[in-house]
N, C-alpha and C. Protein backbone atom coordinates (compact mmCIF):
# COMPACT_ATOMS: atom_id res chain seq x y z
N MET A 1 0.66 -0.82 0.43
CA MET A 1 0.69 0.36 -0.20
C MET A 1 0.95 0.58 0.03
N THR A 2 0.18 2.26 -0.59
CA THR A 2 0.97 4.06 -0.65
C THR A 2 0.21 4.01 -1.15
N MET A 3 0.79 5.63 -0.98
CA MET A 3 0.46 6.61 -1.27
C MET A 3 0.76 7.88 -2.25
N ILE A 4 -0.48 8.10 -3.65
CA ILE A 4 -0.04 8.03 -5.07
C ILE A 4 1.09 9.78 -4.80
N ASP A 5 2.34 9.45 -5.45
CA ASP A 5 2.94 10.68 -5.44
C ASP A 5 1.51 11.74 -6.00
N VAL A 6 1.61 12.33 -5.48
CA VAL A 6 1.22 13.87 -6.51
C VAL A 6 2.22 14.89 -6.57
N SER A 7 3.96 14.80 -6.25
CA SER A 7 4.60 15.98 -6.34
C SER A 7 4.48 16.41 -7.87
N GLY A 8 4.88 15.59 -8.85
CA GLY A 8 4.78 16.39 -10.24
C GLY A 8 3.85 17.05 -10.19
N LYS A 9 2.70 16.43 -10.27
CA LYS A 9 1.76 17.84 -10.47
C LYS A 9 1.23 18.51 -10.30
N THR A 10 0.78 19.68 -10.84
CA THR A 10 0.58 20.76 -11.14
C THR A 10 -0.72 21.86 -9.95
N THR A 11 -0.41 22.90 -8.90
CA THR A 11 -1.34 23.14 -7.75
C THR A 11 -2.24 23.79 -9.43
N VAL A 12 -3.56 23.16 -9.66
CA VAL A 12 -4.66 24.29 -10.51
C VAL A 12 -6.14 24.20 -8.89
N LEU A 13 -6.84 25.09 -10.04
CA LEU A 13 -8.16 25.06 -9.40
C LEU A 13 -8.67 23.53 -9.22
N ARG A 14 -9.48 23.23 -8.21
CA ARG A 14 -10.27 22.07 -8.30
C ARG A 14 -11.62 21.65 -7.43
N GLU A 15 -12.58 21.36 -8.43
CA GLU A 15 -13.97 21.89 -7.20
C GLU A 15 -14.55 19.84 -7.86
N ALA A 16 -15.26 20.04 -6.48
CA ALA A 16 -16.32 18.43 -7.36
C ALA A 16 -17.37 18.76 -6.36
N THR A 17 -18.54 18.43 -6.80
CA THR A 17 -19.68 18.23 -6.68
C THR A 17 -20.43 16.16 -6.17
N ALA A 18 -20.68 15.98 -4.72
CA ALA A 18 -21.43 14.94 -4.66
C ALA A 18 -22.80 14.91 -4.08
N THR A 19 -23.84 14.03 -4.41
CA THR A 19 -24.64 14.17 -4.34
C THR A 19 -25.73 12.84 -3.70
N GLY A 20 -26.51 12.66 -2.97
CA GLY A 20 -27.02 11.75 -2.31
C GLY A 20 -27.88 11.98 -1.44
N SER A 21 -28.48 10.77 -0.80
CA SER A 21 -30.21 10.80 -0.98
C SER A 21 -30.40 9.93 0.61
N ILE A 22 -31.64 9.99 1.32
CA ILE A 22 -31.83 9.51 1.92
C ILE A 22 -33.45 9.66 2.30
N TYR A 23 -34.34 8.44 2.40
CA TYR A 23 -35.36 8.73 2.40
C TYR A 23 -36.36 7.59 3.80
N LEU A 24 -36.79 8.05 3.95
CA LEU A 24 -37.45 8.56 5.07
C LEU A 24 -39.00 8.78 5.21
N ASN A 25 -39.60 7.44 6.15
CA ASN A 25 -41.03 7.72 6.45
C ASN A 25 -41.37 9.15 6.23
N LYS A 26 -43.12 9.19 5.80
CA LYS A 26 -43.78 10.78 5.40
C LYS A 26 -43.92 11.92 6.24
N LYS A 27 -44.29 10.27 7.71
CA LYS A 27 -44.65 10.70 9.35
C LYS A 27 -42.93 11.78 10.26
N THR A 28 -41.52 11.13 9.28
CA THR A 28 -40.81 12.11 9.83
C THR A 28 -40.41 12.87 9.10
N VAL A 29 -40.02 13.08 7.69
CA VAL A 29 -40.32 14.42 6.98
C VAL A 29 -41.01 15.71 7.07
N SER A 30 -42.57 15.42 7.86
CA SER A 30 -43.34 16.34 8.35
C SER A 30 -42.04 16.63 9.76
N LEU A 31 -42.40 15.93 10.91
CA LEU A 31 -41.44 16.17 11.68
C LEU A 31 -40.36 17.64 11.66
N ILE A 32 -39.83 16.87 10.57
CA ILE A 32 -38.64 17.63 10.05
C ILE A 32 -38.74 19.25 9.29
N LYS A 33 -40.21 19.11 8.55
CA LYS A 33 -40.63 20.50 8.33
C LYS A 33 -40.95 21.40 9.38
N ASN A 34 -41.68 20.30 10.62
CA ASN A 34 -42.44 21.46 11.38
C ASN A 34 -41.76 21.72 12.52
N GLN A 35 -40.32 21.36 12.41
CA GLN A 35 -39.01 21.52 13.80
C GLN A 35 -39.75 20.79 14.59
N LYS A 36 -40.75 19.87 14.55
CA LYS A 36 -40.21 18.94 16.17
C LYS A 36 -39.42 18.60 15.95
N ILE A 37 -38.39 17.64 15.25
CA ILE A 37 -37.58 16.58 15.68
C ILE A 37 -36.95 17.00 17.27
N VAL A 38 -36.79 16.40 17.86
CA VAL A 38 -36.28 16.50 19.44
C VAL A 38 -34.98 16.67 20.03
N LYS A 39 -34.10 15.77 18.97
CA LYS A 39 -32.38 16.17 18.69
C LYS A 39 -32.36 17.70 18.27
N GLY A 40 -33.20 18.36 17.23
CA GLY A 40 -32.68 19.89 16.63
C GLY A 40 -32.91 19.44 15.46
N ASN A 41 -32.53 20.66 15.00
CA ASN A 41 -32.81 20.75 13.37
C ASN A 41 -31.51 20.21 12.57
N PRO A 42 -32.35 18.90 11.90
CA PRO A 42 -31.43 17.49 11.16
C PRO A 42 -30.96 18.35 9.90
N LEU A 43 -31.55 19.20 9.67
CA LEU A 43 -31.00 20.52 7.85
C LEU A 43 -29.86 21.02 8.33
N TYR A 44 -29.69 21.51 8.98
CA TYR A 44 -29.02 21.95 9.39
C TYR A 44 -28.16 21.73 10.45
N THR A 45 -28.30 20.76 10.57
CA THR A 45 -26.80 19.85 11.63
C THR A 45 -26.08 19.35 11.01
N ALA A 46 -26.96 18.37 9.46
CA ALA A 46 -26.46 18.24 8.47
C ALA A 46 -25.19 18.84 7.36
N LYS A 47 -26.02 20.18 7.30
CA LYS A 47 -24.37 20.59 6.62
C LYS A 47 -23.18 21.12 7.63
N ILE A 48 -23.53 21.23 8.76
CA ILE A 48 -22.23 21.33 10.16
C ILE A 48 -21.05 19.82 9.84
N ALA A 49 -21.90 19.01 10.21
CA ALA A 49 -21.43 17.13 10.05
C ALA A 49 -21.24 16.88 8.87
N ALA A 50 -21.37 17.97 7.12
CA ALA A 50 -20.52 18.04 6.02
C ALA A 50 -19.36 18.79 6.02
N ILE A 51 -19.15 19.96 6.74
CA ILE A 51 -18.75 20.54 6.29
C ILE A 51 -17.33 20.17 7.20
N LEU A 52 -17.60 19.90 8.62
CA LEU A 52 -16.45 19.35 9.11
C LEU A 52 -16.12 17.51 9.00
N ALA A 53 -16.55 17.05 7.89
CA ALA A 53 -16.17 15.61 7.61
C ALA A 53 -15.41 16.21 6.37
N ALA A 54 -15.43 16.61 5.76
CA ALA A 54 -15.38 17.41 4.70
C ALA A 54 -13.73 17.63 4.82
N LYS A 55 -12.87 18.10 5.77
CA LYS A 55 -12.18 18.99 6.44
C LYS A 55 -11.51 17.44 6.65
N LYS A 56 -11.89 16.77 7.29
CA LYS A 56 -11.61 16.18 7.89
C LYS A 56 -11.03 14.70 7.35
N THR A 57 -11.39 14.26 5.66
CA THR A 57 -11.80 13.43 4.75
C THR A 57 -9.85 12.64 5.08
N SER A 58 -9.09 13.01 5.16
CA SER A 58 -7.92 12.90 4.82
C SER A 58 -7.70 11.68 6.21
N ASP A 59 -8.29 12.40 7.24
CA ASP A 59 -8.21 11.46 9.13
C ASP A 59 -9.03 10.45 8.57
N ILE A 60 -9.78 10.42 8.27
CA ILE A 60 -10.92 9.20 7.95
C ILE A 60 -10.70 8.18 6.94
N ILE A 61 -9.75 8.44 5.12
CA ILE A 61 -9.97 7.67 4.69
C ILE A 61 -8.22 7.29 4.31
N PRO A 62 -7.91 6.34 4.80
CA PRO A 62 -6.26 5.81 5.00
C PRO A 62 -5.45 6.72 4.03
N LEU A 63 -5.73 6.60 3.32
CA LEU A 63 -4.51 6.25 1.60
C LEU A 63 -4.90 8.32 0.90
N CYS A 64 -5.84 8.79 1.35
CA CYS A 64 -6.57 10.02 0.47
C CYS A 64 -5.65 11.28 0.97
N HIS A 65 -4.77 12.08 0.21
CA HIS A 65 -3.87 13.35 0.33
C HIS A 65 -4.41 14.24 1.08
N PRO A 66 -4.90 14.50 2.47
CA PRO A 66 -4.60 16.06 3.30
C PRO A 66 -4.66 17.23 2.18
N LEU A 67 -6.02 17.81 1.56
CA LEU A 67 -5.65 19.13 0.90
C LEU A 67 -6.15 20.52 2.32
N PRO A 68 -6.14 21.89 1.56
CA PRO A 68 -5.83 22.82 1.99
C PRO A 68 -6.85 23.29 1.28
N LEU A 69 -8.61 22.32 1.54
CA LEU A 69 -9.45 23.51 1.22
C LEU A 69 -10.31 24.89 1.50
N THR A 70 -10.67 25.09 0.06
CA THR A 70 -10.52 26.53 0.05
C THR A 70 -12.73 27.38 -0.11
N ASN A 71 -13.30 26.29 -0.12
CA ASN A 71 -14.59 26.64 0.35
C ASN A 71 -15.21 25.26 -0.11
N VAL A 72 -16.43 24.80 1.25
CA VAL A 72 -17.28 23.69 1.05
C VAL A 72 -18.28 24.48 1.22
N VAL A 73 -19.61 23.83 0.19
CA VAL A 73 -20.81 24.68 -0.22
C VAL A 73 -22.18 23.47 0.57
N VAL A 74 -22.84 23.59 1.53
CA VAL A 74 -24.01 22.32 1.29
C VAL A 74 -24.95 22.79 1.13
N GLU A 75 -25.76 21.79 0.26
CA GLU A 75 -27.46 22.40 0.53
C GLU A 75 -27.78 20.97 1.27
N VAL A 76 -28.89 20.80 2.09
CA VAL A 76 -29.47 19.87 2.57
C VAL A 76 -31.40 20.56 2.12
N ASN A 77 -31.76 19.87 1.23
CA ASN A 77 -33.45 19.78 -0.06
C ASN A 77 -34.36 18.53 0.36
N ILE A 78 -34.98 19.32 1.33
CA ILE A 78 -36.21 18.26 1.05
C ILE A 78 -37.29 18.55 0.04
N ILE A 79 -37.10 16.97 -0.95
CA ILE A 79 -37.47 16.90 -1.88
C ILE A 79 -38.40 16.14 -2.05
N ASP A 80 -39.08 15.68 -1.81
CA ASP A 80 -40.47 15.10 -1.44
C ASP A 80 -40.90 14.47 -0.07
N ASP A 81 -42.40 14.11 -0.10
CA ASP A 81 -43.19 13.81 1.34
C ASP A 81 -41.93 12.93 1.64
N ASN A 82 -40.78 12.02 1.73
CA ASN A 82 -40.09 10.83 1.40
C ASN A 82 -38.93 10.79 1.54
N MET A 83 -38.64 11.97 1.06
CA MET A 83 -37.05 12.58 0.43
C MET A 83 -36.35 13.30 0.86
N ILE A 84 -35.61 13.28 1.20
CA ILE A 84 -34.32 14.56 1.31
C ILE A 84 -32.71 14.35 0.32
N GLN A 85 -32.14 15.23 0.57
CA GLN A 85 -31.54 15.22 -0.49
C GLN A 85 -29.74 16.43 0.39
N VAL A 86 -28.48 15.80 -0.27
CA VAL A 86 -27.57 16.22 0.97
C VAL A 86 -26.26 17.04 -0.64
N LYS A 87 -26.48 17.67 -1.38
CA LYS A 87 -24.81 17.79 -2.39
C LYS A 87 -24.27 19.07 -1.90
N THR A 88 -23.15 18.69 -1.69
CA THR A 88 -22.07 19.24 -1.20
C THR A 88 -21.32 19.32 -2.23
N SER A 89 -20.63 20.86 -2.48
CA SER A 89 -19.78 21.39 -3.40
C SER A 89 -18.20 21.53 -2.58
N VAL A 90 -17.44 21.05 -3.11
CA VAL A 90 -15.76 21.29 -2.32
C VAL A 90 -14.74 21.75 -3.89
N LYS A 91 -14.03 22.68 -2.70
CA LYS A 91 -12.64 23.37 -3.57
C LYS A 91 -11.61 23.53 -3.20
N THR A 92 -10.46 23.46 -3.62
CA THR A 92 -9.18 23.25 -3.11
C THR A 92 -8.38 24.03 -4.57
N LYS A 93 -7.00 24.26 -3.69
CA LYS A 93 -5.75 25.35 -4.98
C LYS A 93 -5.14 23.37 -4.57
N ALA A 94 -4.76 22.45 -5.50
CA ALA A 94 -3.84 21.25 -5.03
C ALA A 94 -3.26 20.80 -6.25
N GLN A 95 -2.41 19.47 -5.54
CA GLN A 95 -2.47 19.34 -6.21
C GLN A 95 -3.01 17.44 -6.69
N THR A 96 -4.75 17.17 -6.72
CA THR A 96 -5.20 16.22 -6.03
C THR A 96 -6.45 16.55 -5.87
N GLY A 97 -7.17 15.32 -7.04
CA GLY A 97 -9.24 16.50 -7.00
C GLY A 97 -9.59 16.34 -5.06
N VAL A 98 -11.25 16.77 -5.32
CA VAL A 98 -11.59 17.00 -4.29
C VAL A 98 -12.90 15.76 -3.99
N GLU A 99 -13.11 15.42 -5.31
CA GLU A 99 -13.81 14.45 -5.28
C GLU A 99 -14.61 13.61 -3.97
N MET A 100 -13.16 13.13 -3.53
CA MET A 100 -13.11 12.27 -2.28
C MET A 100 -13.81 12.88 -0.24
N GLU A 101 -13.65 14.01 -0.76
CA GLU A 101 -13.71 15.20 0.46
C GLU A 101 -15.25 15.49 -0.01
N ALA A 102 -15.51 15.47 -1.53
CA ALA A 102 -17.00 16.12 -1.42
C ALA A 102 -18.18 14.81 -0.91
N LEU A 103 -17.36 13.69 -1.67
CA LEU A 103 -18.53 12.15 -0.98
C LEU A 103 -18.42 11.69 0.00
N THR A 104 -17.41 12.45 1.14
CA THR A 104 -17.31 12.54 2.10
C THR A 104 -18.19 12.82 3.01
N ALA A 105 -18.20 13.65 2.76
CA ALA A 105 -18.93 15.12 3.41
C ALA A 105 -20.64 14.67 2.69
N THR A 106 -21.03 14.94 1.84
CA THR A 106 -22.24 13.62 1.63
C THR A 106 -22.89 12.64 2.19
N SER A 107 -21.98 11.48 2.27
CA SER A 107 -22.37 10.74 3.53
C SER A 107 -22.45 11.24 4.57
N VAL A 108 -21.47 11.78 5.59
CA VAL A 108 -21.56 12.15 6.85
C VAL A 108 -23.48 12.64 6.49
N GLY A 109 -23.33 13.67 5.33
CA GLY A 109 -24.83 14.56 5.65
C GLY A 109 -25.73 13.51 6.44
N LEU A 110 -26.08 12.53 5.55
CA LEU A 110 -27.18 11.86 4.82
C LEU A 110 -26.85 11.19 6.28
N LEU A 111 -25.86 10.76 7.51
CA LEU A 111 -25.63 9.50 8.02
C LEU A 111 -26.63 10.24 9.67
N THR A 112 -25.16 12.00 9.56
CA THR A 112 -26.72 13.25 10.38
C THR A 112 -27.48 12.76 10.54
N ILE A 113 -28.61 13.28 9.14
CA ILE A 113 -29.97 12.82 9.54
C ILE A 113 -30.18 11.64 9.90
N TRP A 114 -30.17 10.80 9.30
CA TRP A 114 -30.45 8.96 9.76
C TRP A 114 -30.12 9.56 11.43
N ASP A 115 -29.49 9.77 12.17
CA ASP A 115 -28.80 10.08 13.66
C ASP A 115 -30.22 10.53 14.45
N MET A 116 -30.25 11.75 13.54
CA MET A 116 -31.38 12.11 14.36
C MET A 116 -32.38 12.91 14.02
N VAL A 117 -32.58 11.49 13.03
CA VAL A 117 -34.16 10.83 12.93
C VAL A 117 -35.19 9.57 13.10
N LYS A 118 -33.07 8.68 13.70
CA LYS A 118 -33.91 7.17 13.16
C LYS A 118 -35.23 6.85 14.11
N GLN A 119 -35.05 7.27 15.44
CA GLN A 119 -36.27 7.07 16.86
C GLN A 119 -37.03 6.80 16.40
N TYR A 120 -37.57 8.48 14.83
CA TYR A 120 -38.62 7.78 14.15
C TYR A 120 -39.42 7.29 13.22
N GLU A 121 -38.23 6.52 13.16
CA GLU A 121 -38.37 5.53 11.74
C GLU A 121 -38.46 4.16 12.20
N LYS A 122 -38.84 3.84 13.35
CA LYS A 122 -38.40 2.30 13.51
C LYS A 122 -39.60 1.98 13.54
N ASP A 123 -39.84 0.21 13.12
CA ASP A 123 -40.83 -0.66 13.66
C ASP A 123 -41.49 -1.03 14.66
N SER A 124 -42.41 -1.76 14.55
CA SER A 124 -42.42 -2.38 15.90
C SER A 124 -41.67 -3.52 16.95
N MET A 125 -40.53 -3.62 15.45
CA MET A 125 -39.78 -4.86 15.70
C MET A 125 -38.41 -4.19 15.90
N GLY A 126 -38.52 -2.90 15.88
CA GLY A 126 -37.26 -1.77 16.09
C GLY A 126 -36.11 -2.12 14.38
N GLN A 127 -36.60 -2.54 13.58
CA GLN A 127 -36.29 -1.61 12.44
C GLN A 127 -36.70 -0.49 11.59
N TYR A 128 -35.61 -0.59 10.66
CA TYR A 128 -35.84 0.75 9.61
C TYR A 128 -35.93 0.76 8.54
N PRO A 129 -37.50 -0.10 8.20
CA PRO A 129 -38.06 -0.57 7.19
C PRO A 129 -38.05 0.71 5.83
N ASN A 130 -38.19 1.49 5.82
CA ASN A 130 -38.48 2.81 5.03
C ASN A 130 -36.58 3.11 5.08
N THR A 131 -36.27 3.03 5.69
CA THR A 131 -35.07 3.98 5.86
C THR A 131 -34.16 3.64 5.05
N LYS A 132 -34.13 4.32 4.10
CA LYS A 132 -32.03 4.37 2.90
C LYS A 132 -31.15 5.37 2.35
N ILE A 133 -30.16 5.20 2.62
CA ILE A 133 -30.17 6.53 2.23
C ILE A 133 -28.65 6.26 0.48
N ASP A 134 -29.08 6.16 -0.56
CA ASP A 134 -29.18 6.06 -1.81
C ASP A 134 -28.25 7.17 -2.44
N ASN A 135 -27.99 6.17 -3.57
CA ASN A 135 -27.50 6.82 -4.81
C ASN A 135 -26.00 8.53 -5.16
N ILE A 136 -25.52 8.31 -3.90
CA ILE A 136 -24.33 8.72 -3.24
C ILE A 136 -23.26 9.41 -4.61
N ILE A 137 -23.28 10.11 -5.55
CA ILE A 137 -21.89 10.25 -6.46
C ILE A 137 -21.30 11.29 -6.79
N VAL A 138 -20.32 11.33 -7.20
CA VAL A 138 -20.03 12.21 -8.13
C VAL A 138 -20.87 13.05 -9.46
N GLU A 139 -20.65 13.63 -9.13
CA GLU A 139 -22.01 14.82 -10.13
C GLU A 139 -20.93 15.77 -11.43
N LYS A 140 -20.42 16.08 -9.88
CA LYS A 140 -19.51 17.09 -10.90
C LYS A 140 -18.06 17.19 -10.72
N LYS A 141 -17.06 16.70 -11.57
CA LYS A 141 -15.95 17.64 -11.05
C LYS A 141 -15.03 18.04 -12.28
N TYR A 142 -14.18 19.14 -11.56
CA TYR A 142 -13.23 19.80 -12.69
C TYR A 142 -12.38 20.45 -11.69
N LYS A 143 -11.38 20.53 -13.03
CA LYS A 143 -9.72 20.83 -12.94
C LYS A 143 -9.73 21.74 -13.82
N GLN A 144 -9.01 23.85 -13.58
CA GLN A 144 -8.39 23.62 -14.32
C GLN A 144 -7.09 23.74 -15.06
N ALA A 145 -7.38 24.44 -16.51
CA ALA A 145 -6.54 24.15 -17.47
C ALA A 145 -4.95 24.33 -17.19
């Protein structure tokens, strides 16, 4: 195992955007909309968690380069009665891209929402039959020429 040597690469502006979704019960999404979640606002908390995750990506992905992030923008939107989407855009001026930071941030944002609402998602057996995190993808990757 080895970290990839990027010392020969040029430092340029790099950007990446990742999205993902969490599917919840309609009742849970309604509680979020009406700010009735006991732990607080999961949409706002997911934004903060995602930003922190982007900044700490190299601490949790073993061979990922630590990067000086210049911007992290997180959008958390209720898409419909069952779905919330997290979209993270990350920028840096570095020798390697920021798609891992965008993916990590989006994933942690979604996990934060799940953590904050899981008590409302359980069925009578203590399972989460309708809760699902899905479609975590890199939507865009840009490197300045």
